N, C-alpha and C. Protein backbone atom coordinates (compact mmCIF):
# COMPACT_ATOMS: atom_id res chain seq x y z
N MET A 1 17.58 -13.73 3.40
CA MET A 1 18.28 -13.15 2.28
C MET A 1 19.48 -14.00 1.90
N ARG A 2 20.12 -14.51 2.89
CA ARG A 2 21.30 -15.34 2.64
C ARG A 2 20.93 -16.58 1.84
N GLU A 3 19.81 -17.22 2.18
CA GLU A 3 19.41 -18.47 1.54
C GLU A 3 19.07 -18.31 0.06
N ILE A 4 18.67 -17.11 -0.35
CA ILE A 4 18.32 -16.90 -1.76
C ILE A 4 19.37 -16.10 -2.51
N GLY A 5 20.53 -15.90 -1.88
CA GLY A 5 21.64 -15.25 -2.55
C GLY A 5 21.54 -13.74 -2.62
N LEU A 6 20.74 -13.13 -1.74
CA LEU A 6 20.59 -11.67 -1.77
C LEU A 6 21.13 -11.00 -0.51
N TRP A 7 22.01 -11.67 0.20
CA TRP A 7 22.52 -11.13 1.47
C TRP A 7 23.12 -9.74 1.32
N ASN A 8 23.91 -9.51 0.29
CA ASN A 8 24.56 -8.22 0.08
C ASN A 8 23.95 -7.44 -1.08
N ALA A 9 22.74 -7.80 -1.48
CA ALA A 9 22.10 -7.17 -2.64
C ALA A 9 21.67 -5.74 -2.32
N GLU A 10 21.60 -4.94 -3.34
CA GLU A 10 21.11 -3.57 -3.20
C GLU A 10 19.61 -3.59 -2.97
N ASP A 11 19.12 -2.50 -2.38
CA ASP A 11 17.70 -2.41 -2.03
C ASP A 11 16.79 -2.66 -3.23
N ALA A 12 17.14 -2.13 -4.38
CA ALA A 12 16.28 -2.28 -5.57
C ALA A 12 16.15 -3.73 -5.97
N VAL A 13 17.21 -4.50 -5.82
CA VAL A 13 17.18 -5.93 -6.18
C VAL A 13 16.29 -6.69 -5.19
N ILE A 14 16.42 -6.38 -3.92
CA ILE A 14 15.58 -7.01 -2.90
C ILE A 14 14.12 -6.64 -3.14
N TRP A 15 13.86 -5.38 -3.41
CA TRP A 15 12.50 -4.90 -3.68
C TRP A 15 11.88 -5.67 -4.86
N ASP A 16 12.61 -5.74 -5.94
CA ASP A 16 12.11 -6.42 -7.13
C ASP A 16 11.85 -7.91 -6.87
N TYR A 17 12.75 -8.55 -6.16
CA TYR A 17 12.58 -9.97 -5.85
C TYR A 17 11.32 -10.18 -5.00
N ALA A 18 11.15 -9.37 -3.97
CA ALA A 18 9.98 -9.50 -3.09
C ALA A 18 8.69 -9.25 -3.88
N ALA A 19 8.68 -8.24 -4.72
CA ALA A 19 7.49 -7.94 -5.51
C ALA A 19 7.16 -9.08 -6.47
N LYS A 20 8.17 -9.60 -7.12
CA LYS A 20 7.97 -10.67 -8.11
C LYS A 20 7.48 -11.96 -7.47
N HIS A 21 7.91 -12.25 -6.25
CA HIS A 21 7.61 -13.52 -5.60
C HIS A 21 6.53 -13.43 -4.52
N GLY A 22 5.90 -12.27 -4.39
CA GLY A 22 4.79 -12.12 -3.44
C GLY A 22 5.19 -12.05 -1.98
N PHE A 23 6.39 -11.55 -1.71
CA PHE A 23 6.86 -11.42 -0.34
C PHE A 23 6.67 -10.01 0.18
N ALA A 24 6.53 -9.88 1.48
CA ALA A 24 6.63 -8.59 2.16
C ALA A 24 8.07 -8.45 2.63
N ILE A 25 8.49 -7.23 2.84
CA ILE A 25 9.83 -6.96 3.37
C ILE A 25 9.68 -6.46 4.80
N VAL A 26 10.34 -7.14 5.73
CA VAL A 26 10.39 -6.72 7.12
C VAL A 26 11.78 -6.15 7.33
N THR A 27 11.85 -4.90 7.77
CA THR A 27 13.14 -4.21 7.79
C THR A 27 13.23 -3.18 8.90
N LYS A 28 14.45 -2.86 9.27
CA LYS A 28 14.72 -1.72 10.14
C LYS A 28 15.30 -0.57 9.32
N ASP A 29 15.42 -0.77 8.03
CA ASP A 29 16.05 0.18 7.11
C ASP A 29 15.05 1.22 6.61
N ALA A 30 15.31 2.49 6.88
CA ALA A 30 14.41 3.57 6.47
C ALA A 30 14.37 3.73 4.95
N ASP A 31 15.36 3.23 4.23
CA ASP A 31 15.35 3.34 2.77
C ASP A 31 14.15 2.63 2.16
N PHE A 32 13.76 1.50 2.73
CA PHE A 32 12.59 0.79 2.23
C PHE A 32 11.31 1.57 2.52
N ARG A 33 11.28 2.27 3.64
CA ARG A 33 10.14 3.13 3.96
C ARG A 33 9.96 4.18 2.88
N GLN A 34 11.04 4.83 2.51
CA GLN A 34 10.99 5.85 1.46
C GLN A 34 10.55 5.25 0.12
N ARG A 35 11.11 4.13 -0.22
CA ARG A 35 10.77 3.47 -1.48
C ARG A 35 9.27 3.12 -1.50
N SER A 36 8.74 2.68 -0.38
CA SER A 36 7.33 2.35 -0.27
C SER A 36 6.45 3.57 -0.51
N PHE A 37 6.85 4.71 0.02
CA PHE A 37 6.07 5.94 -0.18
C PHE A 37 6.07 6.36 -1.64
N VAL A 38 7.16 6.14 -2.32
CA VAL A 38 7.28 6.54 -3.72
C VAL A 38 6.61 5.54 -4.66
N LEU A 39 6.83 4.25 -4.43
CA LEU A 39 6.40 3.22 -5.37
C LEU A 39 5.13 2.47 -4.98
N GLY A 40 4.71 2.58 -3.72
CA GLY A 40 3.55 1.81 -3.28
C GLY A 40 3.90 0.34 -3.18
N HIS A 41 2.90 -0.51 -3.37
CA HIS A 41 3.15 -1.94 -3.27
C HIS A 41 2.65 -2.65 -4.51
N PRO A 42 3.07 -3.85 -4.81
CA PRO A 42 3.93 -4.69 -4.00
C PRO A 42 5.40 -4.27 -4.11
N PRO A 43 6.20 -4.71 -3.19
CA PRO A 43 5.89 -5.47 -1.99
C PRO A 43 5.43 -4.56 -0.86
N LYS A 44 4.82 -5.15 0.12
CA LYS A 44 4.45 -4.42 1.33
C LYS A 44 5.67 -4.35 2.24
N ILE A 45 5.72 -3.28 3.02
CA ILE A 45 6.85 -3.06 3.92
C ILE A 45 6.38 -3.03 5.36
N VAL A 46 7.02 -3.83 6.21
CA VAL A 46 6.83 -3.77 7.65
C VAL A 46 8.12 -3.19 8.20
N TRP A 47 8.02 -1.95 8.71
CA TRP A 47 9.20 -1.25 9.20
C TRP A 47 9.27 -1.37 10.71
N LEU A 48 10.31 -2.00 11.21
CA LEU A 48 10.51 -2.17 12.64
C LEU A 48 11.33 -0.99 13.15
N ARG A 49 10.69 -0.17 13.94
CA ARG A 49 11.35 1.03 14.46
C ARG A 49 11.97 0.71 15.81
N LEU A 50 13.05 -0.01 15.76
CA LEU A 50 13.76 -0.44 16.95
C LEU A 50 15.22 -0.04 16.84
N GLY A 51 15.83 0.22 17.95
CA GLY A 51 17.26 0.45 17.95
C GLY A 51 17.97 -0.89 17.95
N ASN A 52 19.20 -0.88 18.38
CA ASN A 52 19.94 -2.14 18.49
C ASN A 52 19.23 -3.04 19.47
N CYS A 53 18.95 -4.26 19.05
CA CYS A 53 18.28 -5.21 19.92
C CYS A 53 18.56 -6.62 19.43
N SER A 54 18.20 -7.56 20.23
CA SER A 54 18.45 -8.96 19.89
C SER A 54 17.40 -9.49 18.92
N THR A 55 17.75 -10.59 18.29
CA THR A 55 16.80 -11.28 17.42
C THR A 55 15.59 -11.73 18.25
N ASN A 56 15.82 -12.12 19.49
CA ASN A 56 14.72 -12.53 20.37
C ASN A 56 13.75 -11.38 20.61
N ALA A 57 14.27 -10.17 20.76
CA ALA A 57 13.40 -9.00 20.97
C ALA A 57 12.57 -8.72 19.73
N ILE A 58 13.17 -8.87 18.56
CA ILE A 58 12.43 -8.67 17.30
C ILE A 58 11.35 -9.74 17.16
N GLU A 59 11.70 -10.97 17.46
CA GLU A 59 10.72 -12.06 17.38
C GLU A 59 9.56 -11.80 18.33
N ALA A 60 9.84 -11.40 19.55
CA ALA A 60 8.79 -11.13 20.53
C ALA A 60 7.88 -10.00 20.05
N LEU A 61 8.46 -8.95 19.50
CA LEU A 61 7.67 -7.83 19.00
C LEU A 61 6.75 -8.29 17.87
N MET A 62 7.29 -9.05 16.94
CA MET A 62 6.49 -9.49 15.80
C MET A 62 5.41 -10.49 16.22
N ARG A 63 5.72 -11.37 17.14
CA ARG A 63 4.70 -12.30 17.63
C ARG A 63 3.59 -11.54 18.37
N GLY A 64 3.98 -10.54 19.11
CA GLY A 64 2.99 -9.74 19.84
C GLY A 64 2.11 -8.91 18.92
N ARG A 65 2.58 -8.63 17.74
CA ARG A 65 1.83 -7.83 16.77
C ARG A 65 1.33 -8.67 15.59
N ALA A 66 1.32 -9.98 15.74
CA ALA A 66 0.96 -10.88 14.63
C ALA A 66 -0.39 -10.55 14.02
N ALA A 67 -1.39 -10.28 14.83
CA ALA A 67 -2.72 -9.97 14.30
C ALA A 67 -2.69 -8.68 13.48
N GLN A 68 -2.00 -7.67 13.97
CA GLN A 68 -1.88 -6.40 13.25
C GLN A 68 -1.14 -6.60 11.93
N ILE A 69 -0.08 -7.37 11.95
CA ILE A 69 0.69 -7.63 10.73
C ILE A 69 -0.15 -8.41 9.73
N GLU A 70 -0.86 -9.42 10.18
CA GLU A 70 -1.69 -10.20 9.26
C GLU A 70 -2.79 -9.34 8.65
N GLU A 71 -3.41 -8.49 9.45
CA GLU A 71 -4.44 -7.59 8.93
C GLU A 71 -3.85 -6.66 7.86
N PHE A 72 -2.68 -6.12 8.13
CA PHE A 72 -1.99 -5.26 7.18
C PHE A 72 -1.71 -6.00 5.87
N LEU A 73 -1.20 -7.20 5.97
CA LEU A 73 -0.82 -7.95 4.78
C LEU A 73 -2.01 -8.32 3.91
N THR A 74 -3.18 -8.42 4.48
CA THR A 74 -4.36 -8.78 3.70
C THR A 74 -5.15 -7.57 3.22
N ASP A 75 -4.75 -6.38 3.62
CA ASP A 75 -5.41 -5.14 3.19
C ASP A 75 -4.84 -4.72 1.84
N ASN A 76 -5.67 -4.69 0.82
CA ASN A 76 -5.22 -4.36 -0.53
C ASN A 76 -4.84 -2.90 -0.72
N GLU A 77 -5.20 -2.04 0.20
CA GLU A 77 -4.93 -0.61 0.07
C GLU A 77 -3.61 -0.18 0.72
N LYS A 78 -3.23 -0.83 1.78
CA LYS A 78 -2.07 -0.39 2.57
C LYS A 78 -0.77 -0.95 2.01
N SER A 79 0.26 -0.10 2.03
CA SER A 79 1.59 -0.48 1.53
C SER A 79 2.64 -0.58 2.61
N PHE A 80 2.39 0.08 3.74
CA PHE A 80 3.44 0.32 4.72
C PHE A 80 2.88 0.20 6.14
N LEU A 81 3.60 -0.50 6.99
CA LEU A 81 3.23 -0.63 8.42
C LEU A 81 4.46 -0.33 9.25
N SER A 82 4.32 0.59 10.18
CA SER A 82 5.40 0.93 11.11
C SER A 82 5.08 0.33 12.46
N ILE A 83 6.04 -0.40 13.02
CA ILE A 83 5.87 -1.03 14.33
C ILE A 83 6.97 -0.54 15.26
N THR A 84 6.56 -0.10 16.44
CA THR A 84 7.53 0.35 17.44
C THR A 84 7.42 -0.51 18.67
């Protein structure tokens, strides 16, 4: 987000940017979960249901679930994936 100038952007701006540019949003923020239920996709939402943890823990979780995430991203019907 920092690299594209959206570090402090509101959720709607991030949502629109991701949808316009074909990105998925990976987040711990429940607001994106709600937006996904209301608006569908694009963009797709990967919701990380983790408490406070290190970047290394998030990376390990996502690497361990890479196949599940890739399957989700290629499914035209699904909008939302929750990972714990």
